[in-house]
């Protein structure tokens, strides 16, 4: 069972989930709306988050494939690990 932490800080947040993200969720909906969907247990909330996450996964694996083809896998690994440490 996964418990989502639904705080009120997103209730009035009218920005996309991730600034600059070009996925359907981020271009068409805002944090406050997705928050509302999750608080009211609407299925669309989970679907929008799934679309957002899939866009990021697909982008990651596309970049990984390009790094392998371009023989830049070590650079890609270092960039990913550097980003993770910055979180």
Protein backbone atom coordinates (compact mmCIF):
# COMPACT_ATOMS: atom_id res chain seq x y z
CA UNK A 1 0.00 0.00 0.00
CA UNK A 2 1.41 3.36 -1.02
CA UNK A 3 0.40 6.38 1.00
CA UNK A 4 0.57 9.74 -0.75
CA UNK A 5 1.45 12.77 1.33
CA UNK A 6 -1.14 15.28 0.19
CA UNK A 7 -0.35 18.56 1.87
CA UNK A 8 -2.14 21.81 1.33
CA UNK A 9 0.94 23.50 -0.10
CA UNK A 10 -0.12 22.53 -3.65
CA UNK A 11 -3.72 23.59 -3.18
CA UNK A 12 -3.09 27.07 -4.59
CA UNK A 13 -0.03 26.30 -6.71
CA UNK A 14 -0.86 27.15 -10.31
CA UNK A 15 2.45 26.09 -11.82
CA UNK A 16 3.03 22.90 -13.84
CA UNK A 17 4.31 19.87 -11.96
CA UNK A 18 7.82 20.50 -13.31
CA UNK A 19 8.77 23.83 -14.88
CA UNK A 20 9.89 23.32 -18.48
CA UNK A 21 8.46 19.80 -18.77
CA UNK A 22 6.74 19.26 -22.12
CA UNK A 23 4.57 16.30 -21.10
CA UNK A 24 0.78 16.43 -21.45
CA UNK A 25 0.24 16.78 -17.71
CA UNK A 26 2.60 19.73 -17.31
CA UNK A 27 1.45 21.55 -20.44
CA UNK A 28 -2.30 21.17 -19.81
CA UNK A 29 -2.72 21.02 -16.01
CA UNK A 30 -1.39 22.68 -12.89
CA UNK A 31 -0.31 21.40 -9.48
CA UNK A 32 -3.47 22.68 -7.79
CA UNK A 33 -5.69 20.69 -10.16
CA UNK A 34 -3.66 17.49 -9.83
CA UNK A 35 -3.71 18.00 -6.05
CA UNK A 36 -7.50 18.33 -6.15
CA UNK A 37 -7.79 15.14 -8.21
CA UNK A 38 -5.63 13.20 -5.77
CA UNK A 39 -7.41 14.53 -2.65
CA UNK A 40 -10.80 13.59 -4.10
CA UNK A 41 -9.53 10.17 -5.23
CA UNK A 42 -10.28 10.85 -8.88
CA UNK A 43 -8.66 8.31 -11.19
CA UNK A 44 -7.53 11.07 -13.53
CA UNK A 45 -5.00 12.24 -10.92
CA UNK A 46 -3.11 8.96 -11.08
CA UNK A 47 -3.35 8.86 -14.85
CA UNK A 48 -1.88 12.35 -15.20
CA UNK A 49 0.98 11.47 -12.84
CA UNK A 50 1.58 8.26 -14.78
CA UNK A 51 1.77 10.22 -18.06
CA UNK A 52 4.21 12.66 -16.48
CA UNK A 53 6.41 9.88 -15.08
CA UNK A 54 6.35 7.93 -18.36
CA UNK A 55 7.50 11.02 -20.26
CA UNK A 56 10.48 11.29 -17.91
CA UNK A 57 11.29 7.57 -18.14
CA UNK A 58 11.11 7.66 -21.94
CA UNK A 59 13.32 10.74 -22.05
CA UNK A 60 15.85 9.09 -19.73
CA UNK A 61 16.06 5.92 -21.79
CA UNK A 62 16.25 7.88 -25.06
CA UNK A 63 19.22 9.80 -23.66
CA UNK A 64 20.75 6.53 -22.45
CA UNK A 65 20.42 4.93 -25.90
CA UNK A 66 21.95 8.01 -27.54
CA UNK A 67 24.86 7.92 -25.08
CA UNK A 68 25.49 4.25 -25.86
CA UNK A 69 25.37 4.81 -29.63
CA UNK A 70 27.60 7.89 -29.33
CA UNK A 71 30.09 6.10 -27.04
CA UNK A 72 29.42 8.64 -24.27
CA UNK A 73 28.06 6.25 -21.63
CA UNK A 74 30.61 7.27 -18.98
CA UNK A 75 29.74 10.96 -19.44
CA UNK A 76 26.04 10.11 -19.20
CA UNK A 77 26.61 8.09 -16.02
CA UNK A 78 28.57 10.92 -14.42
CA UNK A 79 25.89 13.45 -15.36
CA UNK A 80 23.11 11.28 -13.91
CA UNK A 81 25.01 10.59 -10.69
CA UNK A 82 25.89 14.27 -10.34
CA UNK A 83 22.21 15.25 -10.70
CA UNK A 84 21.20 12.64 -8.14
CA UNK A 85 23.73 13.92 -5.60
CA UNK A 86 22.40 17.46 -6.08
CA UNK A 87 18.87 16.47 -4.94
